[in-house]
Amino acid sequence: MLVLNDAQAIVVKNLLTKMLVNDTYSVSQLEEAIGWFERESDRVSCPFEQVWSKNLAQEIVRELRNQN
């Protein structure tokens, strides 16, 4: 199982958000994040509560609506 620390989780959140809204992102950060996921192949666990996931989903929806 891979557990991301807070800094890693923030990088992944920012990258995913930028990708979903077609914003520019750092290729070096993407390569680094991919390396975190390649270490373990079975499961990924992020130590955030469900509130964090809900906030991320709301942020993504808000950004997508702002683009239209």
PDB file of N, CA and C in Angstrom:
ATOM      1  N   MET A   1       0.841  -1.175   0.000  1.00  0.00           N
ATOM      2  CA  MET A   1       0.000   0.000   0.000  1.00  0.00           C
ATOM      3  C   MET A   1       0.888   1.241   0.000  1.00  0.00           C
ATOM      4  N   LEU A   2       0.547   2.208  -0.809  1.00  0.00           N
ATOM      5  CA  LEU A   2       1.264   3.472  -0.873  1.00  0.00           C
ATOM      6  C   LEU A   2       0.489   4.503  -0.079  1.00  0.00           C
ATOM      7  N   VAL A   3       1.159   5.183   0.812  1.00  0.00           N
ATOM      8  CA  VAL A   3       0.543   6.261   1.580  1.00  0.00           C
ATOM      9  C   VAL A   3       1.279   7.541   1.229  1.00  0.00           C
ATOM     10  N   LEU A   4       0.540   8.526   0.768  1.00  0.00           N
ATOM     11  CA  LEU A   4       1.130   9.809   0.427  1.00  0.00           C
ATOM     12  C   LEU A   4       1.201  10.690   1.661  1.00  0.00           C
ATOM     13  N   ASN A   5       2.317  11.407   1.805  1.00  0.00           N
ATOM     14  CA  ASN A   5       2.362  12.384   2.888  1.00  0.00           C
ATOM     15  C   ASN A   5       1.593  13.633   2.439  1.00  0.00           C
ATOM     16  N   ASP A   6       1.433  14.587   3.335  1.00  0.00           N
ATOM     17  CA  ASP A   6       0.625  15.771   3.012  1.00  0.00           C
ATOM     18  C   ASP A   6       1.157  16.530   1.799  1.00  0.00           C
ATOM     19  N   ALA A   7       2.463  16.716   1.726  1.00  0.00           N
ATOM     20  CA  ALA A   7       3.052  17.459   0.606  1.00  0.00           C
ATOM     21  C   ALA A   7       2.809  16.735  -0.716  1.00  0.00           C
ATOM     22  N   GLN A   8       2.973  15.425  -0.721  1.00  0.00           N
ATOM     23  CA  GLN A   8       2.735  14.644  -1.934  1.00  0.00           C
ATOM     24  C   GLN A   8       1.263  14.715  -2.341  1.00  0.00           C
ATOM     25  N   ALA A   9       0.387  14.598  -1.371  1.00  0.00           N
ATOM     26  CA  ALA A   9      -1.048  14.635  -1.657  1.00  0.00           C
ATOM     27  C   ALA A   9      -1.449  15.982  -2.251  1.00  0.00           C
ATOM     28  N   ILE A  10      -0.860  17.053  -1.770  1.00  0.00           N
ATOM     29  CA  ILE A  10      -1.171  18.381  -2.304  1.00  0.00           C
ATOM     30  C   ILE A  10      -0.686  18.493  -3.744  1.00  0.00           C
ATOM     31  N   VAL A  11       0.507  17.975  -4.034  1.00  0.00           N
ATOM     32  CA  VAL A  11       1.024  17.994  -5.404  1.00  0.00           C
ATOM     33  C   VAL A  11       0.096  17.209  -6.325  1.00  0.00           C
ATOM     34  N   VAL A  12      -0.310  16.016  -5.897  1.00  0.00           N
ATOM     35  CA  VAL A  12      -1.199  15.181  -6.713  1.00  0.00           C
ATOM     36  C   VAL A  12      -2.540  15.881  -6.919  1.00  0.00           C
ATOM     37  N   LYS A  13      -3.089  16.459  -5.871  1.00  0.00           N
ATOM     38  CA  LYS A  13      -4.371  17.186  -5.972  1.00  0.00           C
ATOM     39  C   LYS A  13      -4.251  18.323  -6.982  1.00  0.00           C
ATOM     40  N   ASN A  14      -3.189  19.106  -6.886  1.00  0.00           N
ATOM     41  CA  ASN A  14      -3.003  20.225  -7.803  1.00  0.00           C
ATOM     42  C   ASN A  14      -2.830  19.755  -9.249  1.00  0.00           C
ATOM     43  N   LEU A  15      -2.046  18.699  -9.433  1.00  0.00           N
ATOM     44  CA  LEU A  15      -1.857  18.162 -10.787  1.00  0.00           C
ATOM     45  C   LEU A  15      -3.170  17.660 -11.375  1.00  0.00           C
ATOM     46  N   LEU A  16      -3.912  16.888 -10.598  1.00  0.00           N
ATOM     47  CA  LEU A  16      -5.182  16.351 -11.100  1.00  0.00           C
ATOM     48  C   LEU A  16      -6.168  17.459 -11.422  1.00  0.00           C
ATOM     49  N   THR A  17      -6.234  18.458 -10.561  1.00  0.00           N
ATOM     50  CA  THR A  17      -7.146  19.574 -10.806  1.00  0.00           C
ATOM     51  C   THR A  17      -6.762  20.301 -12.088  1.00  0.00           C
ATOM     52  N   LYS A  18      -5.468  20.577 -12.262  1.00  0.00           N
ATOM     53  CA  LYS A  18      -5.013  21.273 -13.471  1.00  0.00           C
ATOM     54  C   LYS A  18      -5.282  20.446 -14.722  1.00  0.00           C
ATOM     55  N   MET A  19      -5.092  19.137 -14.634  1.00  0.00           N
ATOM     56  CA  MET A  19      -5.351  18.280 -15.787  1.00  0.00           C
ATOM     57  C   MET A  19      -6.836  18.270 -16.134  1.00  0.00           C
ATOM     58  N   LEU A  20      -7.677  18.194 -15.111  1.00  0.00           N
ATOM     59  CA  LEU A  20      -9.119  18.129 -15.351  1.00  0.00           C
ATOM     60  C   LEU A  20      -9.681  19.408 -15.947  1.00  0.00           C
ATOM     61  N   VAL A  21      -9.068  20.548 -15.642  1.00  0.00           N
ATOM     62  CA  VAL A  21      -9.566  21.823 -16.172  1.00  0.00           C
ATOM     63  C   VAL A  21      -8.706  22.324 -17.334  1.00  0.00           C
ATOM     64  N   ASN A  22      -7.832  21.449 -17.844  1.00  0.00           N
ATOM     65  CA  ASN A  22      -6.959  21.770 -18.976  1.00  0.00           C
ATOM     66  C   ASN A  22      -6.089  22.994 -18.727  1.00  0.00           C
ATOM     67  N   ASP A  23      -5.567  23.108 -17.528  1.00  0.00           N
ATOM     68  CA  ASP A  23      -4.647  24.180 -17.166  1.00  0.00           C
ATOM     69  C   ASP A  23      -3.219  23.657 -17.337  1.00  0.00           C
ATOM     70  N   THR A  24      -2.255  24.549 -17.426  1.00  0.00           N
ATOM     71  CA  THR A  24      -0.871  24.104 -17.557  1.00  0.00           C
ATOM     72  C   THR A  24      -0.360  23.571 -16.227  1.00  0.00           C
ATOM     73  N   TYR A  25       0.534  22.608 -16.306  1.00  0.00           N
ATOM     74  CA  TYR A  25       1.112  22.011 -15.102  1.00  0.00           C
ATOM     75  C   TYR A  25       2.566  21.684 -15.361  1.00  0.00           C
ATOM     76  N   SER A  26       3.300  21.453 -14.292  1.00  0.00           N
ATOM     77  CA  SER A  26       4.729  21.174 -14.372  1.00  0.00           C
ATOM     78  C   SER A  26       4.971  19.707 -14.731  1.00  0.00           C
ATOM     79  N   VAL A  27       5.701  19.489 -15.818  1.00  0.00           N
ATOM     80  CA  VAL A  27       6.020  18.127 -16.237  1.00  0.00           C
ATOM     81  C   VAL A  27       6.916  17.461 -15.192  1.00  0.00           C
ATOM     82  N   SER A  28       7.809  18.212 -14.579  1.00  0.00           N
ATOM     83  CA  SER A  28       8.690  17.619 -13.569  1.00  0.00           C
ATOM     84  C   SER A  28       7.889  17.154 -12.348  1.00  0.00           C
ATOM     85  N   GLN A  29       6.860  17.910 -11.960  1.00  0.00           N
ATOM     86  CA  GLN A  29       6.009  17.464 -10.852  1.00  0.00           C
ATOM     87  C   GLN A  29       5.240  16.213 -11.244  1.00  0.00           C
ATOM     88  N   LEU A  30       4.780  16.154 -12.483  1.00  0.00           N
ATOM     89  CA  LEU A  30       4.063  14.977 -12.958  1.00  0.00           C
ATOM     90  C   LEU A  30       4.968  13.751 -12.937  1.00  0.00           C
ATOM     91  N   GLU A  31       6.190  13.899 -13.424  1.00  0.00           N
ATOM     92  CA  GLU A  31       7.133  12.783 -13.420  1.00  0.00           C
ATOM     93  C   GLU A  31       7.430  12.326 -11.997  1.00  0.00           C
ATOM     94  N   GLU A  32       7.575  13.282 -11.088  1.00  0.00           N
ATOM     95  CA  GLU A  32       7.833  12.933  -9.690  1.00  0.00           C
ATOM     96  C   GLU A  32       6.645  12.171  -9.094  1.00  0.00           C
ATOM     97  N   ALA A  33       5.441  12.653  -9.358  1.00  0.00           N
ATOM     98  CA  ALA A  33       4.237  12.002  -8.829  1.00  0.00           C
ATOM     99  C   ALA A  33       4.079  10.592  -9.400  1.00  0.00           C
ATOM    100  N   ILE A  34       4.362  10.425 -10.683  1.00  0.00           N
ATOM    101  CA  ILE A  34       4.276   9.092 -11.284  1.00  0.00           C
ATOM    102  C   ILE A  34       5.230   8.143 -10.576  1.00  0.00           C
ATOM    103  N   GLY A  35       6.411   8.636 -10.212  1.00  0.00           N
ATOM    104  CA  GLY A  35       7.376   7.811  -9.476  1.00  0.00           C
ATOM    105  C   GLY A  35       6.824   7.330  -8.146  1.00  0.00           C
ATOM    106  N   TRP A  36       6.036   8.157  -7.474  1.00  0.00           N
ATOM    107  CA  TRP A  36       5.442   7.740  -6.192  1.00  0.00           C
ATOM    108  C   TRP A  36       4.502   6.561  -6.404  1.00  0.00           C
ATOM    109  N   PHE A  37       3.744   6.578  -7.503  1.00  0.00           N
ATOM    110  CA  PHE A  37       2.766   5.533  -7.759  1.00  0.00           C
ATOM    111  C   PHE A  37       3.393   4.256  -8.314  1.00  0.00           C
ATOM    112  N   GLU A  38       4.562   4.362  -8.905  1.00  0.00           N
ATOM    113  CA  GLU A  38       5.210   3.185  -9.466  1.00  0.00           C
ATOM    114  C   GLU A  38       5.866   2.314  -8.408  1.00  0.00           C
ATOM    115  N   ARG A  39       6.095   2.839  -7.223  1.00  0.00           N
ATOM    116  CA  ARG A  39       6.738   2.055  -6.169  1.00  0.00           C
ATOM    117  C   ARG A  39       5.872   0.909  -5.687  1.00  0.00           C
ATOM    118  N   GLU A  40       4.601   1.122  -5.639  1.00  0.00           N
ATOM    119  CA  GLU A  40       3.660   0.086  -5.190  1.00  0.00           C
ATOM    120  C   GLU A  40       2.586  -0.043  -6.257  1.00  0.00           C
ATOM    121  N   SER A  41       2.189  -1.257  -6.550  1.00  0.00           N
ATOM    122  CA  SER A  41       1.228  -1.420  -7.646  1.00  0.00           C
ATOM    123  C   SER A  41      -0.172  -1.838  -7.195  1.00  0.00           C
ATOM    124  N   ASP A  42      -0.369  -2.088  -5.912  1.00  0.00           N
ATOM    125  CA  ASP A  42      -1.689  -2.622  -5.565  1.00  0.00           C
ATOM    126  C   ASP A  42      -2.698  -1.555  -5.143  1.00  0.00           C
ATOM    127  N   ARG A  43      -2.426  -0.757  -4.132  1.00  0.00           N
ATOM    128  CA  ARG A  43      -3.416   0.201  -3.647  1.00  0.00           C
ATOM    129  C   ARG A  43      -2.757   1.516  -3.292  1.00  0.00           C
ATOM    130  N   VAL A  44      -3.527   2.592  -3.414  1.00  0.00           N
ATOM    131  CA  VAL A  44      -3.054   3.916  -3.028  1.00  0.00           C
ATOM    132  C   VAL A  44      -4.000   4.449  -1.970  1.00  0.00           C
ATOM    133  N   SER A  45      -3.447   4.929  -0.891  1.00  0.00           N
ATOM    134  CA  SER A  45      -4.249   5.483   0.191  1.00  0.00           C
ATOM    135  C   SER A  45      -3.750   6.880   0.502  1.00  0.00           C
ATOM    136  N   CYS A  46      -4.655   7.803   0.609  1.00  0.00           N
ATOM    137  CA  CYS A  46      -4.297   9.184   0.914  1.00  0.00           C
ATOM    138  C   CYS A  46      -4.889   9.522   2.275  1.00  0.00           C
ATOM    139  N   PRO A  47      -4.077  10.035   3.199  1.00  0.00           N
ATOM    140  CA  PRO A  47      -4.546  10.247   4.575  1.00  0.00           C
ATOM    141  C   PRO A  47      -5.404  11.493   4.772  1.00  0.00           C
ATOM    142  N   PHE A  48      -6.369  11.708   3.896  1.00  0.00           N
ATOM    143  CA  PHE A  48      -7.291  12.817   4.060  1.00  0.00           C
ATOM    144  C   PHE A  48      -8.680  12.282   4.358  1.00  0.00           C
ATOM    145  N   GLU A  49      -9.472  13.094   5.003  1.00  0.00           N
ATOM    146  CA  GLU A  49     -10.837  12.689   5.320  1.00  0.00           C
ATOM    147  C   GLU A  49     -11.721  12.821   4.086  1.00  0.00           C
ATOM    148  N   GLN A  50     -12.940  12.331   4.185  1.00  0.00           N
ATOM    149  CA  GLN A  50     -13.887  12.431   3.079  1.00  0.00           C
ATOM    150  C   GLN A  50     -14.181  13.885   2.726  1.00  0.00           C
ATOM    151  N   VAL A  51     -14.067  14.769   3.688  1.00  0.00           N
ATOM    152  CA  VAL A  51     -14.323  16.192   3.441  1.00  0.00           C
ATOM    153  C   VAL A  51     -13.366  16.718   2.379  1.00  0.00           C
ATOM    154  N   TRP A  52     -12.119  16.290   2.441  1.00  0.00           N
ATOM    155  CA  TRP A  52     -11.126  16.732   1.460  1.00  0.00           C
ATOM    156  C   TRP A  52     -11.553  16.305   0.063  1.00  0.00           C
ATOM    157  N   SER A  53     -11.997  15.067  -0.074  1.00  0.00           N
ATOM    158  CA  SER A  53     -12.434  14.561  -1.377  1.00  0.00           C
ATOM    159  C   SER A  53     -13.642  15.336  -1.889  1.00  0.00           C
ATOM    160  N   LYS A  54     -14.559  15.629  -0.991  1.00  0.00           N
ATOM    161  CA  LYS A  54     -15.748  16.386  -1.376  1.00  0.00           C
ATOM    162  C   LYS A  54     -15.350  17.793  -1.818  1.00  0.00           C
ATOM    163  N   ASN A  55     -14.441  18.424  -1.091  1.00  0.00           N
ATOM    164  CA  ASN A  55     -13.981  19.768  -1.454  1.00  0.00           C
ATOM    165  C   ASN A  55     -13.284  19.758  -2.811  1.00  0.00           C
ATOM    166  N   LEU A  56     -12.483  18.739  -3.077  1.00  0.00           N
ATOM    167  CA  LEU A  56     -11.808  18.623  -4.365  1.00  0.00           C
ATOM    168  C   LEU A  56     -12.834  18.482  -5.483  1.00  0.00           C
ATOM    169  N   ALA A  57     -13.819  17.637  -5.283  1.00  0.00           N
ATOM    170  CA  ALA A  57     -14.852  17.445  -6.306  1.00  0.00           C
ATOM    171  C   ALA A  57     -15.599  18.755  -6.562  1.00  0.00           C
ATOM    172  N   GLN A  58     -15.917  19.488  -5.509  1.00  0.00           N
ATOM    173  CA  GLN A  58     -16.614  20.760  -5.672  1.00  0.00           C
ATOM    174  C   GLN A  58     -15.745  21.777  -6.410  1.00  0.00           C
ATOM    175  N   GLU A  59     -14.459  21.794  -6.105  1.00  0.00           N
ATOM    176  CA  GLU A  59     -13.535  22.703  -6.772  1.00  0.00           C
ATOM    177  C   GLU A  59     -13.443  22.387  -8.264  1.00  0.00           C
ATOM    178  N   ILE A  60     -13.388  21.102  -8.600  1.00  0.00           N
ATOM    179  CA  ILE A  60     -13.318  20.686  -9.997  1.00  0.00           C
ATOM    180  C   ILE A  60     -14.582  21.106 -10.738  1.00  0.00           C
ATOM    181  N   VAL A  61     -15.733  20.864 -10.142  1.00  0.00           N
ATOM    182  CA  VAL A  61     -16.999  21.232 -10.778  1.00  0.00           C
ATOM    183  C   VAL A  61     -17.077  22.750 -10.969  1.00  0.00           C
ATOM    184  N   ARG A  62     -16.659  23.498  -9.969  1.00  0.00           N
ATOM    185  CA  ARG A  62     -16.671  24.957 -10.032  1.00  0.00           C
ATOM    186  C   ARG A  62     -15.778  25.449 -11.188  1.00  0.00           C
ATOM    187  N   GLU A  63     -14.580  24.887 -11.316  1.00  0.00           N
ATOM    188  CA  GLU A  63     -13.666  25.271 -12.383  1.00  0.00           C
ATOM    189  C   GLU A  63     -14.227  24.917 -13.757  1.00  0.00           C
ATOM    190  N   LEU A  64     -14.830  23.753 -13.863  1.00  0.00           N
ATOM    191  CA  LEU A  64     -15.416  23.339 -15.132  1.00  0.00           C
ATOM    192  C   LEU A  64     -16.574  24.271 -15.532  1.00  0.00           C
ATOM    193  N   ARG A  65     -17.390  24.669 -14.557  1.00  0.00           N
ATOM    194  CA  ARG A  65     -18.491  25.595 -14.836  1.00  0.00           C
ATOM    195  C   ARG A  65     -17.978  26.972 -15.236  1.00  0.00           C
ATOM    196  N   ASN A  66     -16.865  27.397 -14.627  1.00  0.00           N
ATOM    197  CA  ASN A  66     -16.297  28.707 -14.950  1.00  0.00           C
ATOM    198  C   ASN A  66     -15.757  28.756 -16.367  1.00  0.00           C
ATOM    199  N   GLN A  67     -15.365  27.618 -16.915  1.00  0.00           N
ATOM    200  CA  GLN A  67     -14.831  27.576 -18.273  1.00  0.00           C
ATOM    201  C   GLN A  67     -15.917  27.715 -19.332  1.00  0.00           C
ATOM    202  N   ASN A  68     -17.147  27.373 -18.967  1.00  0.00           N
ATOM    203  CA  ASN A  68     -18.256  27.408 -19.964  1.00  0.00           C
ATOM    204  C   ASN A  68     -18.905  28.746 -20.034  1.00  0.00           C
TER     205      ASN A  68
END
